[in-house]
Amino acid sequence: MRTYYRGPDVVVNDQVFEVCGPKPQRFLVARLRDVHVVRTTRRSSWGRATRAFELWAWYERDRVQMYSSPDERVFGQVSRALRRAIEANE
């Protein structure tokens, strides 16, 4: 098994995309379809805008939000790791 990314909240290898934390999730890479990035901007009640970067996909029959991060650098590392894992499964 080849690991493409290992961080405090996500592990990506050639078989599994696993999110750790308060809402743990585990996705088999071979079953992911139409993986895409969504950038969101939210305004807090005091007017401050916050950005988030999200990974969405179809997993089996459901559209799921796989991962979200406000840190563009970390998000880029995670999304590139997932892209490499998907390519390894093709």
PDB file of N, CA and C in Angstrom:
ATOM      1  N   MET A   1       0.842  -1.167   0.000  1.00  0.00           N
ATOM      2  CA  MET A   1       0.000   0.000   0.000  1.00  0.00           C
ATOM      3  C   MET A   1       0.896   1.241   0.000  1.00  0.00           C
ATOM      4  N   ARG A   2       0.612   2.155  -0.919  1.00  0.00           N
ATOM      5  CA  ARG A   2       1.402   3.376  -1.033  1.00  0.00           C
ATOM      6  C   ARG A   2       0.637   4.549  -0.411  1.00  0.00           C
ATOM      7  N   THR A   3       1.300   5.295   0.466  1.00  0.00           N
ATOM      8  CA  THR A   3       0.691   6.457   1.113  1.00  0.00           C
ATOM      9  C   THR A   3       1.102   7.717   0.363  1.00  0.00           C
ATOM     10  N   TYR A   4       0.104   8.526  -0.018  1.00  0.00           N
ATOM     11  CA  TYR A   4       0.351   9.762  -0.755  1.00  0.00           C
ATOM     12  C   TYR A   4       0.329  10.991   0.155  1.00  0.00           C
ATOM     13  N   TYR A   5      -0.399  10.914   1.245  1.00  0.00           N
ATOM     14  CA  TYR A   5      -0.445  12.029   2.199  1.00  0.00           C
ATOM     15  C   TYR A   5      -0.809  11.474   3.567  1.00  0.00           C
ATOM     16  N   ARG A   6      -0.115  11.953   4.589  1.00  0.00           N
ATOM     17  CA  ARG A   6      -0.449  11.604   5.972  1.00  0.00           C
ATOM     18  C   ARG A   6      -0.318  12.882   6.794  1.00  0.00           C
ATOM     19  N   GLY A   7      -1.431  13.350   7.300  1.00  0.00           N
ATOM     20  CA  GLY A   7      -1.445  14.548   8.123  1.00  0.00           C
ATOM     21  C   GLY A   7      -2.239  14.296   9.390  1.00  0.00           C
ATOM     22  N   PRO A   8      -2.414  15.333  10.199  1.00  0.00           N
ATOM     23  CA  PRO A   8      -3.126  15.137  11.464  1.00  0.00           C
ATOM     24  C   PRO A   8      -4.615  14.834  11.289  1.00  0.00           C
ATOM     25  N   ASP A   9      -5.190  15.250  10.149  1.00  0.00           N
ATOM     26  CA  ASP A   9      -6.626  15.042   9.967  1.00  0.00           C
ATOM     27  C   ASP A   9      -7.006  14.198   8.758  1.00  0.00           C
ATOM     28  N   VAL A  10      -6.048  13.863   7.893  1.00  0.00           N
ATOM     29  CA  VAL A  10      -6.347  13.086   6.684  1.00  0.00           C
ATOM     30  C   VAL A  10      -5.211  12.127   6.370  1.00  0.00           C
ATOM     31  N   VAL A  11      -5.586  10.941   5.896  1.00  0.00           N
ATOM     32  CA  VAL A  11      -4.627   9.980   5.352  1.00  0.00           C
ATOM     33  C   VAL A  11      -5.136   9.577   3.972  1.00  0.00           C
ATOM     34  N   VAL A  12      -4.249   9.664   2.973  1.00  0.00           N
ATOM     35  CA  VAL A  12      -4.607   9.262   1.615  1.00  0.00           C
ATOM     36  C   VAL A  12      -3.604   8.221   1.159  1.00  0.00           C
ATOM     37  N   ASN A  13      -4.107   7.049   0.804  1.00  0.00           N
ATOM     38  CA  ASN A  13      -3.245   6.036   0.203  1.00  0.00           C
ATOM     39  C   ASN A  13      -3.913   5.509  -1.055  1.00  0.00           C
ATOM     40  N   ASP A  14      -3.305   4.522  -1.696  1.00  0.00           N
ATOM     41  CA  ASP A  14      -3.843   4.055  -2.971  1.00  0.00           C
ATOM     42  C   ASP A  14      -5.165   3.304  -2.840  1.00  0.00           C
ATOM     43  N   GLN A  15      -5.611   3.041  -1.621  1.00  0.00           N
ATOM     44  CA  GLN A  15      -6.872   2.329  -1.407  1.00  0.00           C
ATOM     45  C   GLN A  15      -7.935   3.160  -0.699  1.00  0.00           C
ATOM     46  N   VAL A  16      -7.515   4.033   0.221  1.00  0.00           N
ATOM     47  CA  VAL A  16      -8.470   4.701   1.113  1.00  0.00           C
ATOM     48  C   VAL A  16      -8.158   6.191   1.263  1.00  0.00           C
ATOM     49  N   PHE A  17      -9.227   6.996   1.310  1.00  0.00           N
ATOM     50  CA  PHE A  17      -9.162   8.398   1.718  1.00  0.00           C
ATOM     51  C   PHE A  17      -9.857   8.441   3.073  1.00  0.00           C
ATOM     52  N   GLU A  18      -9.091   8.726   4.137  1.00  0.00           N
ATOM     53  CA  GLU A  18      -9.636   8.649   5.493  1.00  0.00           C
ATOM     54  C   GLU A  18      -9.499   9.986   6.206  1.00  0.00           C
ATOM     55  N   VAL A  19     -10.620  10.481   6.707  1.00  0.00           N
ATOM     56  CA  VAL A  19     -10.655  11.731   7.461  1.00  0.00           C
ATOM     57  C   VAL A  19     -10.790  11.382   8.934  1.00  0.00           C
ATOM     58  N   CYS A  20      -9.876  11.905   9.748  1.00  0.00           N
ATOM     59  CA  CYS A  20      -9.899  11.678  11.196  1.00  0.00           C
ATOM     60  C   CYS A  20     -10.494  12.917  11.859  1.00  0.00           C
ATOM     61  N   GLY A  21     -10.891  12.801  13.072  1.00  0.00           N
ATOM     62  CA  GLY A  21     -11.403  13.963  13.787  1.00  0.00           C
ATOM     63  C   GLY A  21     -12.775  13.722  14.352  1.00  0.00           C
ATOM     64  N   PRO A  22     -13.521  14.823  14.606  1.00  0.00           N
ATOM     65  CA  PRO A  22     -14.817  14.686  15.263  1.00  0.00           C
ATOM     66  C   PRO A  22     -15.833  13.885  14.441  1.00  0.00           C
ATOM     67  N   LYS A  23     -15.733  13.956  13.102  1.00  0.00           N
ATOM     68  CA  LYS A  23     -16.641  13.198  12.240  1.00  0.00           C
ATOM     69  C   LYS A  23     -15.800  12.336  11.293  1.00  0.00           C
ATOM     70  N   PRO A  24     -15.275  11.217  11.777  1.00  0.00           N
ATOM     71  CA  PRO A  24     -14.410  10.395  10.932  1.00  0.00           C
ATOM     72  C   PRO A  24     -15.174   9.811   9.748  1.00  0.00           C
ATOM     73  N   GLN A  25     -14.494   9.787   8.603  1.00  0.00           N
ATOM     74  CA  GLN A  25     -15.063   9.224   7.384  1.00  0.00           C
ATOM     75  C   GLN A  25     -13.993   8.414   6.682  1.00  0.00           C
ATOM     76  N   ARG A  26     -14.429   7.400   5.955  1.00  0.00           N
ATOM     77  CA  ARG A  26     -13.490   6.565   5.217  1.00  0.00           C
ATOM     78  C   ARG A  26     -14.120   6.235   3.865  1.00  0.00           C
ATOM     79  N   PHE A  27     -13.368   6.510   2.783  1.00  0.00           N
ATOM     80  CA  PHE A  27     -13.851   6.277   1.430  1.00  0.00           C
ATOM     81  C   PHE A  27     -12.872   5.372   0.693  1.00  0.00           C
ATOM     82  N   LEU A  28     -13.385   4.364   0.019  1.00  0.00           N
ATOM     83  CA  LEU A  28     -12.545   3.545  -0.850  1.00  0.00           C
ATOM     84  C   LEU A  28     -12.296   4.336  -2.129  1.00  0.00           C
ATOM     85  N   VAL A  29     -11.045   4.555  -2.470  1.00  0.00           N
ATOM     86  CA  VAL A  29     -10.678   5.386  -3.611  1.00  0.00           C
ATOM     87  C   VAL A  29     -11.288   4.842  -4.902  1.00  0.00           C
ATOM     88  N   ALA A  30     -11.317   3.547  -5.070  1.00  0.00           N
ATOM     89  CA  ALA A  30     -11.842   2.936  -6.298  1.00  0.00           C
ATOM     90  C   ALA A  30     -13.330   3.213  -6.507  1.00  0.00           C
ATOM     91  N   ARG A  31     -14.052   3.592  -5.468  1.00  0.00           N
ATOM     92  CA  ARG A  31     -15.495   3.837  -5.583  1.00  0.00           C
ATOM     93  C   ARG A  31     -15.852   5.313  -5.719  1.00  0.00           C
ATOM     94  N   LEU A  32     -14.852   6.187  -5.734  1.00  0.00           N
ATOM     95  CA  LEU A  32     -15.097   7.621  -5.879  1.00  0.00           C
ATOM     96  C   LEU A  32     -15.297   7.977  -7.347  1.00  0.00           C
ATOM     97  N   ARG A  33     -16.261   8.856  -7.616  1.00  0.00           N
ATOM     98  CA  ARG A  33     -16.525   9.339  -8.970  1.00  0.00           C
ATOM     99  C   ARG A  33     -16.729  10.850  -8.933  1.00  0.00           C
ATOM    100  N   ASP A  34     -16.364  11.504 -10.022  1.00  0.00           N
ATOM    101  CA  ASP A  34     -16.603  12.938 -10.192  1.00  0.00           C
ATOM    102  C   ASP A  34     -16.103  13.753  -8.994  1.00  0.00           C
ATOM    103  N   VAL A  35     -14.866  13.542  -8.620  1.00  0.00           N
ATOM    104  CA  VAL A  35     -14.264  14.301  -7.515  1.00  0.00           C
ATOM    105  C   VAL A  35     -14.005  15.726  -8.001  1.00  0.00           C
ATOM    106  N   HIS A  36     -14.422  16.707  -7.224  1.00  0.00           N
ATOM    107  CA  HIS A  36     -14.210  18.096  -7.623  1.00  0.00           C
ATOM    108  C   HIS A  36     -14.022  18.999  -6.402  1.00  0.00           C
ATOM    109  N   VAL A  37     -13.445  20.161  -6.677  1.00  0.00           N
ATOM    110  CA  VAL A  37     -13.130  21.154  -5.646  1.00  0.00           C
ATOM    111  C   VAL A  37     -14.191  22.247  -5.663  1.00  0.00           C
ATOM    112  N   VAL A  38     -14.607  22.662  -4.483  1.00  0.00           N
ATOM    113  CA  VAL A  38     -15.524  23.790  -4.329  1.00  0.00           C
ATOM    114  C   VAL A  38     -14.863  24.781  -3.379  1.00  0.00           C
ATOM    115  N   ARG A  39     -14.816  26.032  -3.800  1.00  0.00           N
ATOM    116  CA  ARG A  39     -14.299  27.094  -2.923  1.00  0.00           C
ATOM    117  C   ARG A  39     -15.493  27.884  -2.410  1.00  0.00           C
ATOM    118  N   THR A  40     -15.568  28.047  -1.117  1.00  0.00           N
ATOM    119  CA  THR A  40     -16.699  28.761  -0.532  1.00  0.00           C
ATOM    120  C   THR A  40     -16.217  29.975   0.241  1.00  0.00           C
ATOM    121  N   THR A  41     -17.095  30.951   0.355  1.00  0.00           N
ATOM    122  CA  THR A  41     -16.851  32.119   1.198  1.00  0.00           C
ATOM    123  C   THR A  41     -18.069  32.285   2.087  1.00  0.00           C
ATOM    124  N   ARG A  42     -17.828  32.380   3.356  1.00  0.00           N
ATOM    125  CA  ARG A  42     -18.919  32.558   4.319  1.00  0.00           C
ATOM    126  C   ARG A  42     -18.675  33.837   5.103  1.00  0.00           C
ATOM    127  N   ARG A  43     -19.750  34.494   5.437  1.00  0.00           N
ATOM    128  CA  ARG A  43     -19.656  35.698   6.273  1.00  0.00           C
ATOM    129  C   ARG A  43     -20.154  35.373   7.670  1.00  0.00           C
ATOM    130  N   SER A  44     -19.366  35.771   8.637  1.00  0.00           N
ATOM    131  CA  SER A  44     -19.784  35.562  10.027  1.00  0.00           C
ATOM    132  C   SER A  44     -20.788  36.646  10.413  1.00  0.00           C
ATOM    133  N   SER A  45     -21.353  36.513  11.575  1.00  0.00           N
ATOM    134  CA  SER A  45     -22.348  37.488  12.035  1.00  0.00           C
ATOM    135  C   SER A  45     -21.751  38.886  12.213  1.00  0.00           C
ATOM    136  N   TRP A  46     -20.438  38.972  12.390  1.00  0.00           N
ATOM    137  CA  TRP A  46     -19.793  40.284  12.530  1.00  0.00           C
ATOM    138  C   TRP A  46     -19.203  40.774  11.208  1.00  0.00           C
ATOM    139  N   GLY A  47     -19.527  40.088  10.095  1.00  0.00           N
ATOM    140  CA  GLY A  47     -19.180  40.575   8.771  1.00  0.00           C
ATOM    141  C   GLY A  47     -17.862  40.115   8.192  1.00  0.00           C
ATOM    142  N   ARG A  48     -17.120  39.314   8.915  1.00  0.00           N
ATOM    143  CA  ARG A  48     -15.822  38.849   8.420  1.00  0.00           C
ATOM    144  C   ARG A  48     -16.015  37.665   7.467  1.00  0.00           C
ATOM    145  N   ALA A  49     -15.382  37.732   6.315  1.00  0.00           N
ATOM    146  CA  ALA A  49     -15.480  36.651   5.334  1.00  0.00           C
ATOM    147  C   ALA A  49     -14.411  35.600   5.613  1.00  0.00           C
ATOM    148  N   THR A  50     -14.810  34.348   5.575  1.00  0.00           N
ATOM    149  CA  THR A  50     -13.861  33.244   5.725  1.00  0.00           C
ATOM    150  C   THR A  50     -13.989  32.329   4.518  1.00  0.00           C
ATOM    151  N   ARG A  51     -12.842  31.856   4.038  1.00  0.00           N
ATOM    152  CA  ARG A  51     -12.823  30.950   2.893  1.00  0.00           C
ATOM    153  C   ARG A  51     -12.656  29.533   3.374  1.00  0.00           C
ATOM    154  N   ALA A  52     -13.206  28.639   2.592  1.00  0.00           N
ATOM    155  CA  ALA A  52     -12.973  27.218   2.826  1.00  0.00           C
ATOM    156  C   ALA A  52     -12.819  26.550   1.469  1.00  0.00           C
ATOM    157  N   PHE A  53     -12.019  25.537   1.441  1.00  0.00           N
ATOM    158  CA  PHE A  53     -11.810  24.733   0.243  1.00  0.00           C
ATOM    159  C   PHE A  53     -12.371  23.355   0.550  1.00  0.00           C
ATOM    160  N   GLU A  54     -13.207  22.837  -0.346  1.00  0.00           N
ATOM    161  CA  GLU A  54     -13.892  21.576  -0.082  1.00  0.00           C
ATOM    162  C   GLU A  54     -13.676  20.586  -1.215  1.00  0.00           C
ATOM    163  N   LEU A  55     -13.562  19.317  -0.856  1.00  0.00           N
ATOM    164  CA  LEU A  55     -13.536  18.218  -1.824  1.00  0.00           C
ATOM    165  C   LEU A  55     -14.892  17.526  -1.774  1.00  0.00           C
ATOM    166  N   TRP A  56     -15.541  17.424  -2.924  1.00  0.00           N
ATOM    167  CA  TRP A  56     -16.820  16.748  -3.055  1.00  0.00           C
ATOM    168  C   TRP A  56     -16.675  15.625  -4.071  1.00  0.00           C
ATOM    169  N   ALA A  57     -17.502  14.604  -3.949  1.00  0.00           N
ATOM    170  CA  ALA A  57     -17.477  13.491  -4.904  1.00  0.00           C
ATOM    171  C   ALA A  57     -18.778  12.707  -4.808  1.00  0.00           C
ATOM    172  N   TRP A  58     -18.965  11.840  -5.796  1.00  0.00           N
ATOM    173  CA  TRP A  58     -20.008  10.827  -5.711  1.00  0.00           C
ATOM    174  C   TRP A  58     -19.348   9.578  -5.170  1.00  0.00           C
ATOM    175  N   TYR A  59     -19.925   9.061  -4.107  1.00  0.00           N
ATOM    176  CA  TYR A  59     -19.413   7.835  -3.492  1.00  0.00           C
ATOM    177  C   TYR A  59     -20.556   6.841  -3.471  1.00  0.00           C
ATOM    178  N   GLU A  60     -20.386   5.796  -4.265  1.00  0.00           N
ATOM    179  CA  GLU A  60     -21.452   4.835  -4.485  1.00  0.00           C
ATOM    180  C   GLU A  60     -22.652   5.607  -5.030  1.00  0.00           C
ATOM    181  N   ARG A  61     -23.735   5.774  -4.299  1.00  0.00           N
ATOM    182  CA  ARG A  61     -24.906   6.492  -4.832  1.00  0.00           C
ATOM    183  C   ARG A  61     -25.127   7.860  -4.205  1.00  0.00           C
ATOM    184  N   ASP A  62     -24.214   8.298  -3.376  1.00  0.00           N
ATOM    185  CA  ASP A  62     -24.402   9.549  -2.639  1.00  0.00           C
ATOM    186  C   ASP A  62     -23.368  10.600  -3.026  1.00  0.00           C
ATOM    187  N   ARG A  63     -23.812  11.866  -3.062  1.00  0.00           N
ATOM    188  CA  ARG A  63     -22.879  12.977  -3.214  1.00  0.00           C
ATOM    189  C   ARG A  63     -22.414  13.344  -1.814  1.00  0.00           C
ATOM    190  N   VAL A  64     -21.096  13.355  -1.611  1.00  0.00           N
ATOM    191  CA  VAL A  64     -20.549  13.556  -0.270  1.00  0.00           C
ATOM    192  C   VAL A  64     -19.494  14.655  -0.262  1.00  0.00           C
ATOM    193  N   GLN A  65     -19.435  15.381   0.848  1.00  0.00           N
ATOM    194  CA  GLN A  65     -18.325  16.292   1.089  1.00  0.00           C
ATOM    195  C   GLN A  65     -17.273  15.476   1.812  1.00  0.00           C
ATOM    196  N   MET A  66     -16.148  15.272   1.150  1.00  0.00           N
ATOM    197  CA  MET A  66     -15.105  14.409   1.691  1.00  0.00           C
ATOM    198  C   MET A  66     -14.201  15.129   2.676  1.00  0.00           C
ATOM    199  N   TYR A  67     -13.918  16.403   2.392  1.00  0.00           N
ATOM    200  CA  TYR A  67     -12.902  17.107   3.174  1.00  0.00           C
ATOM    201  C   TYR A  67     -13.110  18.602   3.007  1.00  0.00           C
ATOM    202  N   SER A  68     -12.770  19.364   4.032  1.00  0.00           N
ATOM    203  CA  SER A  68     -12.839  20.814   3.984  1.00  0.00           C
ATOM    204  C   SER A  68     -11.693  21.392   4.805  1.00  0.00           C
ATOM    205  N   SER A  69     -11.103  22.484   4.292  1.00  0.00           N
ATOM    206  CA  SER A  69     -10.016  23.138   5.019  1.00  0.00           C
ATOM    207  C   SER A  69      -9.960  24.614   4.645  1.00  0.00           C
ATOM    208  N   PRO A  70      -9.686  25.482   5.610  1.00  0.00           N
ATOM    209  CA  PRO A  70      -9.463  26.889   5.291  1.00  0.00           C
ATOM    210  C   PRO A  70      -8.030  27.155   4.814  1.00  0.00           C
ATOM    211  N   ASP A  71      -7.147  26.190   4.979  1.00  0.00           N
ATOM    212  CA  ASP A  71      -5.730  26.337   4.630  1.00  0.00           C
ATOM    213  C   ASP A  71      -5.502  25.871   3.190  1.00  0.00           C
ATOM    214  N   GLU A  72      -5.267  26.825   2.296  1.00  0.00           N
ATOM    215  CA  GLU A  72      -5.128  26.511   0.875  1.00  0.00           C
ATOM    216  C   GLU A  72      -3.942  25.587   0.598  1.00  0.00           C
ATOM    217  N   ARG A  73      -2.849  25.768   1.312  1.00  0.00           N
ATOM    218  CA  ARG A  73      -1.665  24.935   1.089  1.00  0.00           C
ATOM    219  C   ARG A  73      -1.934  23.481   1.464  1.00  0.00           C
ATOM    220  N   VAL A  74      -2.475  23.260   2.631  1.00  0.00           N
ATOM    221  CA  VAL A  74      -2.783  21.892   3.071  1.00  0.00           C
ATOM    222  C   VAL A  74      -3.842  21.274   2.164  1.00  0.00           C
ATOM    223  N   PHE A  75      -4.861  22.056   1.826  1.00  0.00           N
ATOM    224  CA  PHE A  75      -5.902  21.543   0.940  1.00  0.00           C
ATOM    225  C   PHE A  75      -5.306  21.111  -0.402  1.00  0.00           C
ATOM    226  N   GLY A  76      -4.384  21.894  -0.931  1.00  0.00           N
ATOM    227  CA  GLY A  76      -3.729  21.533  -2.186  1.00  0.00           C
ATOM    228  C   GLY A  76      -2.958  20.230  -2.072  1.00  0.00           C
ATOM    229  N   GLN A  77      -2.280  20.034  -0.965  1.00  0.00           N
ATOM    230  CA  GLN A  77      -1.540  18.783  -0.760  1.00  0.00           C
ATOM    231  C   GLN A  77      -2.487  17.588  -0.695  1.00  0.00           C
ATOM    232  N   VAL A  78      -3.596  17.745   0.011  1.00  0.00           N
ATOM    233  CA  VAL A  78      -4.570  16.656   0.143  1.00  0.00           C
ATOM    234  C   VAL A  78      -5.216  16.348  -1.203  1.00  0.00           C
ATOM    235  N   SER A  79      -5.627  17.382  -1.934  1.00  0.00           N
ATOM    236  CA  SER A  79      -6.295  17.138  -3.216  1.00  0.00           C
ATOM    237  C   SER A  79      -5.339  16.535  -4.242  1.00  0.00           C
ATOM    238  N   ARG A  80      -4.076  16.941  -4.245  1.00  0.00           N
ATOM    239  CA  ARG A  80      -3.098  16.324  -5.154  1.00  0.00           C
ATOM    240  C   ARG A  80      -2.856  14.866  -4.784  1.00  0.00           C
ATOM    241  N   ALA A  81      -2.802  14.578  -3.502  1.00  0.00           N
ATOM    242  CA  ALA A  81      -2.626  13.188  -3.056  1.00  0.00           C
ATOM    243  C   ALA A  81      -3.799  12.330  -3.511  1.00  0.00           C
ATOM    244  N   LEU A  82      -5.005  12.856  -3.391  1.00  0.00           N
ATOM    245  CA  LEU A  82      -6.178  12.101  -3.838  1.00  0.00           C
ATOM    246  C   LEU A  82      -6.139  11.889  -5.347  1.00  0.00           C
ATOM    247  N   ARG A  83      -5.729  12.902  -6.088  1.00  0.00           N
ATOM    248  CA  ARG A  83      -5.621  12.763  -7.548  1.00  0.00           C
ATOM    249  C   ARG A  83      -4.648  11.641  -7.908  1.00  0.00           C
ATOM    250  N   ARG A  84      -3.504  11.594  -7.230  1.00  0.00           N
ATOM    251  CA  ARG A  84      -2.523  10.528  -7.495  1.00  0.00           C
ATOM    252  C   ARG A  84      -3.083   9.158  -7.123  1.00  0.00           C
ATOM    253  N   ALA A  85      -3.825   9.082  -6.028  1.00  0.00           N
ATOM    254  CA  ALA A  85      -4.427   7.807  -5.615  1.00  0.00           C
ATOM    255  C   ALA A  85      -5.454   7.332  -6.641  1.00  0.00           C
ATOM    256  N   ILE A  86      -6.251   8.257  -7.162  1.00  0.00           N
ATOM    257  CA  ILE A  86      -7.242   7.897  -8.185  1.00  0.00           C
ATOM    258  C   ILE A  86      -6.539   7.417  -9.447  1.00  0.00           C
ATOM    259  N   GLU A  87      -5.495   8.126  -9.869  1.00  0.00           N
ATOM    260  CA  GLU A  87      -4.740   7.714 -11.060  1.00  0.00           C
ATOM    261  C   GLU A  87      -4.124   6.337 -10.875  1.00  0.00           C
ATOM    262  N   ALA A  88      -3.689   6.014  -9.674  1.00  0.00           N
ATOM    263  CA  ALA A  88      -3.102   4.695  -9.404  1.00  0.00           C
ATOM    264  C   ALA A  88      -4.143   3.586  -9.518  1.00  0.00           C
ATOM    265  N   ASN A  89      -5.423   3.936  -9.388  1.00  0.00           N
ATOM    266  CA  ASN A  89      -6.500   2.948  -9.470  1.00  0.00           C
ATOM    267  C   ASN A  89      -7.082   2.806 -10.871  1.00  0.00           C
ATOM    268  N   GLU A  90      -6.649   3.637 -11.806  1.00  0.00           N
ATOM    269  CA  GLU A  90      -7.204   3.575 -13.172  1.00  0.00           C
ATOM    270  C   GLU A  90      -6.579   2.469 -13.975  1.00  0.00           C
TER     271      GLU A  90
END
